[in-house]
């Protein structure tokens, strides 16, 4: 049989500690004391247990615990004494179910203090999750209600961008299904880090925003056949166009009889090579059949103008950070995708690639 280890002095680092300002930690304190009492071989002596535990609490707490009938009555067990103590500390009751009032308190606390970085978000997420998970488990609120409450604490700038970012980050979520709190935290964390960098946003001078000198032209990636291609977005253009180099490389047929005049910004006029009909552009689950003019040596491989925007009912969201999101709808299947646009890329297909045609 091992030699008992005396209970540690209250000022020892290994001693059980309880701060009445953090009553939710009381069960942990009792657990630590019971472990020390077992090592000291007093765990089967209720009277000694009740007396010794008082050495590890402050004077005010000691007086209160001594006043309990379960302390004074030597016939009462340690567990009976401990249960009575816990009943007087509501936040320490391990089996207490949360209420919507508890959830409102968490939300209101962080709405007032604000959440501006990952550390603050993590603290809010933990406190919110403890309460909301209990409410959802007991059928008091639904997962959708929990998600709605979770995001209500964030500023309007974050909320206005969150739905779009969630669609992009989690495209496989089923309609009517709630985002998990973990998914919400992930997206909010991204947006907080983005919104916290004013140098990436529009210029902020003397208390208000002004436009930057310039922003990059945006584009999106599409799949044609087995190739991924970069397409420049241009809502001011009346056609969809591709370079002759891209046409040759991808082996796309076109009708050389359907040429149109093209006027450049300097006023000069040239002609297109011809029209490629019903070219299939895949944007995720959205398929768009576009009529594409073949153009000699432009500064792009593919340019998506107004015919593209109208066919797929494009909705564009711009943000102060410079980000741009594009929502596309397949006109035949009615499927919708939301994608992040990218800064314009250099043409991937160069003049002379593939076999020259149409001359």
Protein backbone atom coordinates (compact mmCIF):
# COMPACT_ATOMS: atom_id res chain seq x y z
CA UNK A 1 0.00 0.00 0.00
CA UNK A 2 1.45 3.39 -1.01
CA UNK A 3 2.25 6.04 1.58
CA UNK A 4 -0.39 8.81 1.73
CA UNK A 5 0.65 12.22 0.40
CA UNK A 6 -0.30 15.06 2.77
CA UNK A 7 -2.68 17.69 1.46
CA UNK A 8 -0.72 20.60 -0.07
CA UNK A 9 -0.55 23.90 1.79
CA UNK A 10 -2.95 26.47 0.35
CA UNK A 11 -0.08 28.65 -0.90
CA UNK A 12 1.51 25.79 -2.82
CA UNK A 13 1.35 25.79 -6.59
CA UNK A 14 -0.23 22.34 -6.60
CA UNK A 15 -2.99 23.32 -4.15
CA UNK A 16 -6.63 23.39 -5.36
CA UNK A 17 -7.78 26.97 -5.93
CA UNK A 18 -11.22 28.57 -6.19
CA UNK A 19 -11.99 32.18 -7.12
CA UNK A 20 -15.63 33.02 -6.28
CA UNK A 21 -15.66 35.52 -9.15
CA UNK A 22 -15.43 32.53 -11.51
CA UNK A 23 -18.04 30.23 -10.00
CA UNK A 24 -18.26 28.13 -13.17
CA UNK A 25 -14.86 26.72 -12.15
CA UNK A 26 -16.19 25.35 -8.85
CA UNK A 27 -16.69 21.77 -10.19
CA UNK A 28 -13.05 21.80 -11.33
CA UNK A 29 -11.96 22.95 -7.87
CA UNK A 30 -13.90 20.13 -6.21
CA UNK A 31 -12.36 17.63 -8.63
CA UNK A 32 -8.84 18.82 -7.80
CA UNK A 33 -9.55 18.70 -4.07
CA UNK A 34 -11.00 15.18 -4.28
CA UNK A 35 -7.89 14.00 -6.13
CA UNK A 36 -5.65 15.52 -3.45
CA UNK A 37 -7.86 14.04 -0.69
CA UNK A 38 -7.61 10.58 -2.23
CA UNK A 39 -3.82 10.88 -2.38
CA UNK A 40 -3.89 11.90 1.29
CA UNK A 41 -6.13 8.92 2.10
CA UNK A 42 -8.90 11.04 3.64
CA UNK A 43 -11.47 10.55 0.85
CA UNK A 44 -13.45 8.07 2.96
CA UNK A 45 -13.75 10.49 5.89
CA UNK A 46 -16.63 12.93 5.09
CA UNK A 47 -16.14 15.04 8.20
CA UNK A 48 -12.43 15.55 7.53
CA UNK A 49 -13.11 16.23 3.84
CA UNK A 50 -15.59 18.99 4.69
CA UNK A 51 -13.20 20.63 7.13
CA UNK A 52 -10.08 20.40 4.99
CA UNK A 53 -11.70 21.86 1.86
CA UNK A 54 -12.27 25.14 3.72
CA UNK A 55 -8.51 25.80 3.80
CA UNK A 56 -8.51 26.36 0.03
CA UNK A 57 -11.19 29.07 -0.18
CA UNK A 58 -11.27 32.71 0.93
CA UNK A 59 -12.64 33.77 4.33
CA UNK A 60 -16.02 34.93 3.02
CA UNK A 61 -16.61 31.67 1.16
CA UNK A 62 -15.43 29.69 4.18
CA UNK A 63 -18.00 31.37 6.45
CA UNK A 64 -20.81 30.65 4.01
CA UNK A 65 -19.92 26.97 3.52
CA UNK A 66 -19.65 26.50 7.28
CA UNK A 67 -23.20 27.85 7.67
CA UNK A 68 -24.70 25.09 5.52
CA UNK A 69 -26.62 22.39 7.38
CA UNK A 70 -24.85 19.70 5.38
CA UNK A 71 -21.55 20.95 6.83
CA UNK A 72 -22.77 21.09 10.43
CA UNK A 73 -24.53 17.72 10.31
CA UNK A 74 -21.89 14.99 10.72
CA UNK A 75 -24.31 12.43 9.27
CA UNK A 76 -24.27 14.18 5.90
CA UNK A 77 -21.84 12.80 3.35
CA UNK A 78 -19.24 14.71 1.37
CA UNK A 79 -21.34 14.39 -1.79
CA UNK A 80 -24.40 15.82 -0.01
CA UNK A 81 -22.34 18.77 1.22
CA UNK A 82 -20.83 19.33 -2.23
CA UNK A 83 -24.26 19.19 -3.91
CA UNK A 84 -25.65 21.81 -1.53
CA UNK A 85 -22.67 24.07 -2.19
CA UNK A 86 -23.12 23.79 -5.95
CA UNK A 87 -26.81 24.65 -5.67
CA UNK A 88 -25.78 28.08 -4.42
CA UNK A 89 -23.60 28.78 -7.48
CA UNK A 90 -25.90 28.70 -10.56
CA UNK A 91 -23.06 29.07 -13.07
CA UNK A 92 -21.32 26.06 -11.54
CA UNK A 93 -24.17 23.61 -12.05
CA UNK A 94 -22.82 21.29 -14.71
CA UNK A 95 -26.22 20.03 -15.84
CA UNK A 96 -28.00 23.41 -16.04
CA UNK A 97 -29.61 23.93 -19.44
CA UNK A 98 -29.08 27.27 -21.16
CA UNK A 99 -31.92 29.66 -21.94
CA UNK A 100 -32.49 32.17 -24.71
CA UNK A 101 -31.81 34.87 -22.12
CA UNK A 102 -28.29 33.45 -21.74
CA UNK A 103 -27.83 33.62 -25.50
CA UNK A 104 -29.06 37.22 -25.62
CA UNK A 105 -26.57 38.14 -22.89
CA UNK A 106 -23.66 36.72 -24.87
CA UNK A 107 -24.74 38.54 -28.03
CA UNK A 108 -25.34 41.84 -26.25
CA UNK A 109 -21.98 41.67 -24.47
CA UNK A 110 -20.04 41.26 -27.70
CA UNK A 111 -22.22 43.65 -29.66
CA UNK A 112 -21.21 46.36 -27.18
CA UNK A 113 -17.54 45.44 -26.94
CA UNK A 114 -17.15 44.68 -30.65
CA UNK A 115 -15.21 41.92 -32.42
CA UNK A 116 -12.31 43.11 -34.55
CA UNK A 117 -9.79 40.26 -34.68
CA UNK A 118 -9.39 36.48 -34.57
CA UNK A 119 -8.70 36.38 -30.83
CA UNK A 120 -11.92 38.22 -29.97
CA UNK A 121 -13.82 36.11 -32.49
CA UNK A 122 -12.52 32.91 -30.91
CA UNK A 123 -13.65 33.99 -27.44
CA UNK A 124 -17.10 34.95 -28.73
CA UNK A 125 -17.38 31.70 -30.69
CA UNK A 126 -16.64 29.58 -27.63
CA UNK A 127 -19.13 31.38 -25.39
CA UNK A 128 -21.84 31.43 -28.05
CA UNK A 129 -21.34 27.76 -28.92
CA UNK A 130 -21.76 26.54 -25.33
CA UNK A 131 -25.14 28.25 -25.02
CA UNK A 132 -26.50 27.73 -28.53
CA UNK A 133 -25.54 24.05 -28.69
CA UNK A 134 -27.59 23.46 -25.54
CA UNK A 135 -30.56 25.35 -26.98
CA UNK A 136 -30.42 23.47 -30.28
CA UNK A 137 -30.00 20.11 -28.53
CA UNK A 138 -33.12 20.73 -26.44
CA UNK A 139 -35.15 21.94 -29.42
CA UNK A 140 -35.51 25.49 -28.10
CA UNK A 141 -34.04 27.04 -31.25
CA UNK A 142 -33.21 25.63 -34.69
CA UNK A 143 -29.82 25.51 -36.34
CA UNK A 144 -30.91 28.27 -38.72
CA UNK A 145 -31.95 30.47 -35.78
CA UNK A 146 -28.61 29.81 -34.09
CA UNK A 147 -26.74 30.81 -37.26
CA UNK A 148 -28.80 33.99 -37.62
CA UNK A 149 -28.14 34.94 -34.00
CA UNK A 150 -24.43 34.18 -34.37
CA UNK A 151 -23.89 36.71 -37.16
CA UNK A 152 -26.12 39.42 -35.66
CA UNK A 153 -23.27 40.63 -33.47
CA UNK A 154 -21.03 41.64 -36.39
CA UNK A 155 -20.96 45.08 -38.07
CA UNK A 156 -22.99 45.72 -41.21
CA UNK A 157 -19.87 45.68 -43.41
CA UNK A 158 -19.16 42.08 -42.38
CA UNK A 159 -22.78 40.92 -42.57
CA UNK A 160 -23.24 42.37 -46.07
CA UNK A 161 -20.30 40.32 -47.37
CA UNK A 162 -20.80 37.18 -45.32
CA UNK A 163 -23.57 35.50 -47.32
CA UNK A 164 -21.66 35.86 -50.57
CA UNK A 165 -18.43 34.54 -49.05
CA UNK A 166 -20.24 31.55 -47.54
CA UNK A 167 -21.67 30.62 -50.94
CA UNK A 168 -18.20 30.74 -52.43
CA UNK A 169 -16.45 28.91 -49.59
CA UNK A 170 -19.13 26.22 -49.12
CA UNK A 171 -20.79 25.72 -52.54
CA UNK A 172 -22.13 22.24 -51.68
CA UNK A 173 -24.43 23.34 -48.85
CA UNK A 174 -27.98 22.17 -49.50
CA UNK A 175 -30.80 24.70 -49.78
CA UNK A 176 -32.57 25.18 -46.45
CA UNK A 177 -29.67 23.67 -44.50
CA UNK A 178 -28.08 25.86 -41.83
CA UNK A 179 -24.42 26.78 -41.95
CA UNK A 180 -22.58 25.35 -38.96
CA UNK A 181 -21.08 27.72 -36.41
CA UNK A 182 -17.63 26.49 -37.47
CA UNK A 183 -18.35 27.45 -41.09
CA UNK A 184 -19.62 30.85 -40.01
CA UNK A 185 -16.54 31.42 -37.85
CA UNK A 186 -14.25 30.50 -40.74
CA UNK A 187 -15.86 33.00 -43.11
CA UNK A 188 -16.11 35.77 -40.52
CA UNK A 189 -12.46 35.26 -39.60
CA UNK A 190 -11.49 35.76 -43.24
CA UNK A 191 -13.63 38.88 -43.59
CA UNK A 192 -12.35 40.35 -40.33
CA UNK A 193 -8.75 39.97 -41.42
CA UNK A 194 -9.62 41.50 -44.79
CA UNK A 195 -11.60 44.39 -43.35
CA UNK A 196 -8.92 45.17 -40.80
CA UNK A 197 -6.40 46.19 -43.47
CA UNK A 198 -7.41 49.69 -44.59
CA UNK A 199 -4.53 49.90 -47.08
CA UNK A 200 -6.26 47.29 -49.25
CA UNK A 201 -9.49 49.28 -49.29
CA UNK A 202 -10.50 52.54 -50.85
CA UNK A 203 -8.42 55.42 -49.50
CA UNK A 204 -9.56 56.69 -46.09
CA UNK A 205 -8.81 60.38 -45.65
CA UNK A 206 -9.89 62.75 -42.90
CA UNK A 207 -12.70 60.50 -41.72
CA UNK A 208 -14.25 59.48 -45.06
CA UNK A 209 -13.54 57.24 -48.03
CA UNK A 210 -12.41 58.40 -51.46
CA UNK A 211 -11.65 56.35 -54.55
CA UNK A 212 -8.16 55.02 -55.23
CA UNK A 213 -6.29 56.18 -58.31
CA UNK A 214 -6.92 52.86 -60.05
CA UNK A 215 -8.04 49.26 -59.54
CA UNK A 216 -7.11 46.14 -61.47
CA UNK A 217 -9.39 44.93 -64.25
CA UNK A 218 -11.13 41.75 -63.16
CA UNK A 219 -11.56 38.39 -64.84
CA UNK A 220 -12.86 34.88 -64.19
CA UNK A 221 -11.73 31.41 -65.17
CA UNK A 222 -13.83 29.17 -67.39
CA UNK A 223 -13.42 25.69 -68.84
CA UNK A 224 -13.67 25.12 -72.58
CA UNK A 225 -13.32 21.47 -73.45
CA UNK A 226 -10.57 20.25 -71.14
CA UNK A 227 -8.76 23.59 -70.90
CA UNK A 228 -9.06 26.24 -68.21
CA UNK A 229 -8.99 29.72 -69.73
CA UNK A 230 -8.91 33.19 -68.23
CA UNK A 231 -11.63 35.56 -69.39
CA UNK A 232 -11.50 39.34 -68.97
CA UNK A 233 -14.79 40.92 -67.86
CA UNK A 234 -15.93 43.99 -69.81
CA UNK A 235 -19.52 45.12 -69.35
CA UNK A 236 -18.84 48.02 -71.70
CA UNK A 237 -18.24 45.72 -74.67
CA UNK A 238 -21.12 44.70 -76.95
CA UNK A 239 -19.62 41.34 -77.95
CA UNK A 240 -17.86 38.26 -76.61
CA UNK A 241 -14.45 37.83 -78.21
CA UNK A 242 -11.40 35.58 -78.24
CA UNK A 243 -7.95 35.90 -79.72
CA UNK A 244 -7.03 34.06 -82.88
CA UNK A 245 -4.23 32.37 -80.90
CA UNK A 246 -6.75 30.95 -78.40
CA UNK A 247 -9.04 29.87 -81.22
CA UNK A 248 -6.21 28.02 -82.96
CA UNK A 249 -4.87 26.39 -79.80
CA UNK A 250 -8.29 25.12 -78.69
CA UNK A 251 -9.29 24.06 -82.20
CA UNK A 252 -12.53 26.04 -82.23
CA UNK A 253 -14.27 26.31 -85.60
CA UNK A 254 -15.63 29.67 -86.76
CA UNK A 255 -17.51 31.12 -89.73
CA UNK A 256 -15.22 33.56 -91.61
CA UNK A 257 -18.23 35.03 -93.42
CA UNK A 258 -19.65 36.55 -90.24
CA UNK A 259 -17.10 39.28 -89.69
CA UNK A 260 -17.85 42.55 -87.94
CA UNK A 261 -15.98 45.88 -87.88
CA UNK A 262 -14.10 46.60 -84.69
CA UNK A 263 -13.24 50.13 -83.61
CA UNK A 264 -10.33 50.65 -81.25
CA UNK A 265 -10.02 53.40 -78.66
CA UNK A 266 -7.77 55.43 -80.98
CA UNK A 267 -10.50 55.52 -83.63
CA UNK A 268 -8.98 53.04 -86.09
CA UNK A 269 -11.21 50.30 -87.53
CA UNK A 270 -10.36 46.66 -88.16
CA UNK A 271 -12.37 43.52 -88.85
CA UNK A 272 -12.83 40.36 -86.84
CA UNK A 273 -11.77 37.01 -88.33
CA UNK A 274 -15.28 35.56 -88.04
CA UNK A 275 -17.82 34.14 -85.58
CA UNK A 276 -17.52 30.95 -83.51
CA UNK A 277 -21.03 29.77 -82.72
CA UNK A 278 -22.35 28.19 -79.53
CA UNK A 279 -18.98 27.87 -77.82
CA UNK A 280 -19.55 26.08 -74.46
CA UNK A 281 -18.10 27.94 -71.46
CA UNK A 282 -18.29 26.09 -68.14
CA UNK A 283 -18.33 28.14 -64.92
CA UNK A 284 -18.68 25.44 -62.27
CA UNK A 285 -22.24 24.09 -62.62
CA UNK A 286 -23.22 26.86 -65.04
CA UNK A 287 -22.90 26.22 -68.77
CA UNK A 288 -23.13 29.14 -71.18
CA UNK A 289 -23.22 28.76 -74.97
CA UNK A 290 -21.74 31.97 -76.37
CA UNK A 291 -21.32 33.48 -79.82
CA UNK A 292 -17.68 34.52 -79.95
CA UNK A 293 -15.96 36.86 -82.40
CA UNK A 294 -12.40 35.83 -83.30
CA UNK A 295 -10.05 38.82 -83.14
CA UNK A 296 -6.46 39.22 -84.33
CA UNK A 297 -3.83 39.77 -81.61
CA UNK A 298 -5.83 41.48 -78.86
CA UNK A 299 -4.45 42.04 -75.36
CA UNK A 300 -6.56 39.16 -74.06
CA UNK A 301 -7.44 35.57 -74.93
CA UNK A 302 -11.13 35.84 -74.02
CA UNK A 303 -13.29 38.86 -73.34
CA UNK A 304 -16.78 38.52 -71.86
CA UNK A 305 -19.02 41.43 -72.79
CA UNK A 306 -22.72 42.22 -72.53
CA UNK A 307 -24.05 39.08 -74.31
CA UNK A 308 -22.40 36.97 -71.60
CA UNK A 309 -23.78 39.07 -68.74
CA UNK A 310 -27.32 38.99 -70.12
CA UNK A 311 -27.38 35.25 -70.87
CA UNK A 312 -26.26 34.19 -67.41
CA UNK A 313 -28.06 37.08 -65.62
CA UNK A 314 -24.87 38.23 -63.97
CA UNK A 315 -25.06 39.99 -60.61
CA UNK A 316 -21.93 41.78 -59.49
CA UNK A 317 -20.95 42.72 -55.93
CA UNK A 318 -18.04 45.09 -55.36
CA UNK A 319 -16.42 45.69 -51.97
CA UNK A 320 -14.22 48.39 -50.50
CA UNK A 321 -11.41 45.86 -50.20
CA UNK A 322 -11.28 45.63 -54.00
CA UNK A 323 -12.86 42.16 -54.03
CA UNK A 324 -15.56 41.44 -56.56
CA UNK A 325 -18.02 38.54 -56.54
CA UNK A 326 -20.04 37.40 -59.53
CA UNK A 327 -23.29 35.43 -59.34
CA UNK A 328 -24.16 33.43 -62.49
CA UNK A 329 -27.37 31.58 -63.35
CA UNK A 330 -27.61 28.84 -65.97
CA UNK A 331 -30.53 29.88 -68.23
CA UNK A 332 -31.37 26.25 -69.03
CA UNK A 333 -30.96 24.44 -65.70
CA UNK A 334 -31.45 27.49 -63.44
CA UNK A 335 -28.46 26.43 -61.34
CA UNK A 336 -26.63 29.32 -59.71
CA UNK A 337 -23.00 29.72 -58.72
CA UNK A 338 -21.13 32.58 -57.09
CA UNK A 339 -17.47 33.01 -57.87
CA UNK A 340 -14.72 35.40 -56.87
CA UNK A 341 -13.29 37.41 -59.73
CA UNK A 342 -9.52 37.58 -60.18
CA UNK A 343 -7.13 40.32 -61.26
CA UNK A 344 -6.71 40.27 -65.03
CA UNK A 345 -4.14 37.69 -66.14
CA UNK A 346 -1.76 37.81 -69.09
CA UNK A 347 -2.84 35.95 -72.27
CA UNK A 348 -1.88 32.28 -71.99
CA UNK A 349 -2.13 31.60 -75.73
CA UNK A 350 0.36 33.49 -77.90
CA UNK A 351 0.25 34.44 -81.56
CA UNK A 352 1.62 31.66 -83.75
CA UNK A 353 0.45 28.83 -81.50
CA UNK A 354 -1.68 26.21 -83.21
CA UNK A 355 -2.50 26.23 -86.90
CA UNK A 356 -3.34 29.56 -88.52
CA UNK A 357 -6.77 29.57 -90.12
CA UNK A 358 -9.14 31.99 -91.74
CA UNK A 359 -6.61 33.89 -93.86
